[in-house]
Protein backbone atom coordinates (compact mmCIF):
# COMPACT_ATOMS: atom_id res chain seq x y z
CA HIS A 1 -2.04 -19.78 9.66
CA PRO A 2 -0.56 -18.20 6.51
CA ILE A 3 1.55 -15.15 7.34
CA ALA A 4 1.76 -11.94 5.31
CA LEU A 5 5.06 -10.29 6.26
CA HIS A 6 5.12 -6.49 5.96
CA THR A 7 8.49 -4.69 6.02
CA VAL A 8 9.05 -1.02 6.93
CA GLY A 9 12.81 -0.46 6.85
CA LEU A 10 14.19 -1.51 3.45
CA SER A 11 14.00 2.00 1.97
CA VAL A 12 13.91 0.93 -1.69
CA GLY A 13 13.61 4.57 -2.78
CA SER A 14 16.82 5.75 -1.12
CA ALA A 15 19.63 6.99 -3.35
CA ASP A 16 22.02 5.59 -0.72
CA GLY A 17 21.09 2.03 -1.65
CA ILE A 18 19.80 -0.96 0.29
CA ASP A 19 21.16 -1.73 3.76
CA HIS A 20 22.45 -5.22 3.01
CA GLU A 21 22.82 -6.20 6.67
CA HIS A 22 19.16 -5.34 7.19
CA LEU A 23 18.29 -7.34 4.07
CA ARG A 24 20.31 -10.31 5.34
CA ARG A 25 18.36 -10.32 8.62
CA LEU A 26 15.10 -10.05 6.69
CA ARG A 27 16.08 -13.02 4.53
CA HIS A 28 16.66 -15.14 7.65
CA LEU A 29 13.24 -14.15 9.02
CA VAL A 30 11.57 -15.01 5.72
CA GLU A 31 13.30 -18.39 5.71
CA GLU A 32 12.11 -19.03 9.26
CA ILE A 33 8.41 -18.22 8.87
CA ASP A 34 7.94 -18.83 5.11
CA PRO A 35 5.30 -16.10 4.58
CA VAL A 36 2.88 -16.21 1.67
CA ILE A 37 3.57 -12.53 0.90
CA VAL A 38 6.49 -10.20 1.69
CA SER A 39 5.59 -6.56 1.16
CA GLY A 40 7.04 -3.09 1.71
CA HIS A 41 6.57 0.55 0.87
CA LEU A 42 7.22 2.72 -2.15
CA ALA A 43 9.22 5.20 -0.09
CA TRP A 44 12.64 6.03 1.30
CA SER A 45 13.75 6.18 4.94
CA THR A 46 17.55 6.49 5.03
CA HIS A 47 20.07 9.23 4.28
CA ARG A 48 23.84 9.07 4.73
CA GLY A 49 23.61 6.11 7.05
CA THR A 50 20.84 7.54 9.24
CA TYR A 51 17.50 5.75 9.50
CA LEU A 52 14.77 8.38 9.68
CA ASN A 53 11.92 6.14 10.90
CA ASP A 54 9.49 7.58 8.37
CA LEU A 55 8.14 6.68 4.94
CA LEU A 56 9.19 9.62 2.80
CA PRO A 57 7.88 10.40 -0.71
CA LEU A 58 9.58 10.01 -4.06
CA PRO A 59 9.46 12.15 -7.20
CA TYR A 60 7.86 10.07 -9.92
CA THR A 61 10.57 10.37 -12.56
CA GLU A 62 12.53 7.99 -14.76
CA GLU A 63 15.60 8.52 -12.57
CA ALA A 64 13.70 7.56 -9.42
CA LEU A 65 12.17 4.61 -11.23
CA ASP A 66 15.63 3.32 -12.17
CA VAL A 67 16.68 3.52 -8.50
CA VAL A 68 13.61 1.69 -7.20
CA VAL A 69 13.76 -1.02 -9.88
CA LYS A 70 17.41 -1.68 -9.04
CA HIS A 71 16.71 -1.96 -5.32
CA VAL A 72 13.58 -4.08 -5.72
CA ASP A 73 15.63 -6.44 -7.91
CA GLN A 74 18.21 -6.73 -5.12
CA VAL A 75 15.50 -7.51 -2.55
CA GLN A 76 13.90 -10.13 -4.79
CA GLN A 77 17.22 -11.81 -5.53
CA ALA A 78 18.04 -11.95 -1.81
CA LEU A 79 14.63 -13.30 -0.80
CA GLY A 80 14.17 -15.60 -3.78
CA ARG A 81 10.60 -14.39 -4.34
CA ALA A 82 8.60 -11.47 -5.66
CA TYR A 83 8.56 -8.41 -3.41
CA VAL A 84 5.18 -6.69 -3.04
CA MET A 85 5.19 -2.89 -3.19
CA GLU A 86 2.54 -0.74 -1.46
CA ASN A 87 1.26 2.62 -2.64
CA PRO A 88 2.16 5.30 -0.09
CA ALA A 89 0.09 7.68 2.01
CA SER A 90 0.89 11.08 0.49
CA TYR A 91 1.05 14.52 2.07
CA VAL A 92 3.22 16.35 -0.46
CA GLY A 93 4.14 15.88 -4.12
CA PHE A 94 6.99 16.95 -6.37
CA ALA A 95 6.71 19.51 -9.15
CA THR A 96 9.44 17.55 -10.95
CA SER A 97 7.34 14.38 -11.29
CA THR A 98 6.85 13.33 -14.90
CA MET A 99 4.34 10.53 -14.31
CA THR A 100 1.46 9.74 -11.99
CA GLU A 101 1.79 7.37 -9.06
CA THR A 102 -0.17 4.65 -10.84
CA GLN A 103 2.00 5.03 -13.95
CA PHE A 104 5.10 4.72 -11.75
CA LEU A 105 3.74 1.59 -10.03
CA THR A 106 2.77 0.05 -13.37
CA ALA A 107 6.25 0.63 -14.78
CA LEU A 108 7.86 -0.69 -11.58
CA ALA A 109 5.88 -3.93 -11.75
CA GLU A 110 6.60 -4.38 -15.46
CA ARG A 111 10.34 -3.73 -15.18
CA SER A 112 11.12 -5.54 -11.92
CA GLY A 113 8.51 -8.31 -11.91
CA CYS A 114 7.43 -7.25 -8.41
CA ARG A 115 3.81 -7.52 -7.31
CA LEU A 116 1.70 -4.72 -5.83
CA LEU A 117 -0.27 -4.08 -2.66
CA CYS A 118 -3.14 -1.62 -3.06
CA ASP A 119 -3.72 0.19 0.22
CA VAL A 120 -7.26 1.46 -0.33
CA SER A 121 -7.11 3.71 2.73
CA ASN A 122 -3.89 5.28 1.45
CA ALA A 123 -5.58 5.91 -1.89
CA TYR A 124 -8.46 7.71 -0.16
CA LEU A 125 -6.16 9.65 2.17
CA SER A 126 -3.77 10.70 -0.60
CA ALA A 127 -6.64 11.78 -2.83
CA ALA A 128 -8.04 13.97 -0.06
CA ASN A 129 -4.65 15.48 0.76
CA MET A 130 -3.44 15.93 -2.80
CA GLY A 131 -6.71 16.83 -4.51
CA PHE A 132 -7.25 13.96 -6.96
CA ASP A 133 -10.07 11.48 -7.59
CA ALA A 134 -9.66 8.34 -5.45
CA TYR A 135 -11.98 6.31 -7.70
CA ALA A 136 -10.03 7.26 -10.83
CA TYR A 137 -6.84 6.29 -8.98
CA ILE A 138 -8.23 2.81 -8.22
CA ASP A 139 -9.39 2.47 -11.84
CA ALA A 140 -5.84 3.27 -13.06
CA PHE A 141 -4.11 0.90 -10.61
CA PRO A 142 -2.54 -2.08 -12.47
CA ALA A 143 -4.97 -4.79 -11.34
CA SER A 144 -3.04 -7.74 -12.80
CA ALA A 145 -0.14 -7.07 -10.42
CA VAL A 146 -2.21 -6.74 -7.21
CA VAL A 147 -1.88 -9.59 -4.70
CA GLU A 148 -3.01 -7.91 -1.46
CA LEU A 149 -5.22 -5.07 -0.19
CA HIS A 150 -4.89 -2.98 2.96
CA LEU A 151 -7.45 -1.03 4.98
CA GLY A 152 -6.68 1.18 7.96
CA GLY A 153 -7.89 4.16 9.95
CA PHE A 154 -6.66 7.71 9.64
CA THR A 155 -6.66 10.80 11.85
CA ARG A 156 -7.66 14.35 10.86
CA GLU A 157 -5.28 17.10 11.92
CA PRO A 158 -5.20 20.84 11.14
CA ASP A 159 -3.03 21.62 8.12
CA ASP A 160 -0.50 24.17 9.36
CA ALA A 161 0.26 25.22 5.78
CA THR A 162 -3.38 25.91 4.83
CA PRO A 163 -5.77 27.64 7.26
CA ASN A 164 -9.23 26.08 7.74
CA ARG A 165 -8.14 22.84 6.13
CA ASP A 166 -7.47 19.40 7.59
CA VAL A 167 -4.87 16.89 6.49
CA LEU A 168 -5.50 13.15 6.83
CA ILE A 169 -2.71 11.25 8.62
CA ASP A 170 -2.23 7.52 8.17
CA THR A 171 -2.11 6.67 11.88
CA HIS A 172 -3.73 3.20 11.89
CA ALA A 173 -5.32 4.37 15.16
CA ALA A 174 -9.03 4.42 14.35
CA ALA A 175 -11.84 2.51 12.73
CA ILE A 176 -12.03 2.52 8.94
CA ALA A 177 -14.01 5.55 7.77
CA PRO A 178 -17.30 5.06 5.87
CA PRO A 179 -16.04 6.64 2.60
CA VAL A 180 -13.06 4.25 2.67
CA TRP A 181 -15.48 1.32 2.89
CA ASP A 182 -17.26 2.71 -0.19
CA LEU A 183 -13.94 2.96 -2.03
CA TYR A 184 -13.07 -0.58 -0.92
CA ALA A 185 -16.30 -1.89 -2.46
CA HIS A 186 -15.29 -0.19 -5.71
CA ALA A 187 -11.75 -1.59 -5.49
CA LEU A 188 -13.10 -5.13 -5.14
CA SER A 189 -14.56 -4.84 -8.63
CA ARG A 190 -10.94 -4.79 -9.87
CA PHE A 191 -9.02 -6.71 -7.18
CA ASP A 192 -11.57 -9.24 -5.98
CA SER A 193 -9.17 -12.18 -5.70
CA ALA A 194 -6.65 -10.35 -3.47
CA PRO A 195 -6.80 -10.94 0.30
CA THR A 196 -7.40 -7.93 2.58
CA LEU A 197 -5.48 -7.03 5.72
CA ILE A 198 -6.90 -4.66 8.38
CA GLU A 199 -4.18 -2.41 9.85
CA TRP A 200 -4.66 -1.13 13.41
CA ASP A 201 -1.31 -0.39 15.07
CA ASN A 202 -1.95 2.45 17.57
CA ASP A 203 -4.58 3.13 20.27
CA LEU A 204 -5.51 -0.52 20.04
CA PRO A 205 -9.13 -1.39 20.92
CA GLU A 206 -10.47 -4.72 22.16
CA LEU A 207 -9.74 -7.61 19.80
CA SER A 208 -13.48 -7.93 19.15
CA THR A 209 -13.47 -4.46 17.55
CA ILE A 210 -10.72 -5.41 15.10
CA LEU A 211 -12.39 -8.74 14.34
CA ALA A 212 -15.62 -6.84 13.62
CA GLU A 213 -13.74 -4.68 11.09
CA ALA A 214 -12.42 -7.83 9.39
CA ALA A 215 -15.90 -9.36 9.39
CA TYR A 216 -17.30 -6.22 7.81
CA ALA A 217 -14.63 -6.37 5.09
CA ASP A 218 -15.73 -9.96 4.41
CA ALA A 219 -19.35 -8.81 4.25
CA VAL A 220 -18.53 -6.03 1.78
CA ALA A 221 -16.68 -8.53 -0.40
CA ALA A 222 -19.51 -11.05 -0.24
CA SER A 223 -22.08 -8.40 -1.12
CA ARG A 224 -19.97 -7.24 -4.03
CA ARG A 225 -19.66 -10.78 -5.37
CA ALA A 226 -23.40 -11.36 -4.99
CA GLU A 227 -24.17 -8.19 -6.95
CA HIS A 228 -22.02 -9.34 -9.85
CA ALA A 229 -22.70 -13.07 -9.79
CA PRO A 230 -24.22 -14.45 -13.03
CA ARG A 231 -27.91 -15.19 -12.73
CA ALA A 232 -29.72 -18.03 -14.49
CA ILE A 233 -32.81 -17.16 -16.49
CA ALA A 234 -35.56 -19.35 -17.83
CA GLY A 235 -35.30 -19.97 -21.53
């Protein structure tokens, strides 16, 4: 079966730079399994030689863009293929940002030649946490660069900073929520040719449950295509 390889430790947003030993090991793995896609996160995870085991947010500035472009170039040169960058799940933003996330991703793809992964669940979660329109976010996402979609479950937790408010956490520990399915149907109108991966990493259910989620994603895609298929008329 074709393999989509998803990385979590490259930390392309770190000011410390890429861990080249980690990248070397990744290159050997890529050579061994020859995946159809190699993807990773628009985030940083390292500081002064310490790996923090988290996907931490970036300010969306020209300076940060220069850092990420440089590191994505290094990854692509080492792997000999386009690297695919995923939009993050967001819980905080930076007052210093000078562009939106979709503007940052668009510029990153244009300058580095990387491709993009649109995590539809992350778009929904981030919109809920950060107070923006998830549908407008999907509409602004650079469709020509998208080669893969993700869907995954989230968990609601009390927001310690704001009483009587929940924050959505990207746990990959639950079924995909109904409003995410609705957003996915909308996303397919822009990214219909991209394959979809269902993420379920924690509190794993029976395999049949995960296969049912994948089958439902196929059904949503088929329904969307049927709605927009050209129809013959009698002349």
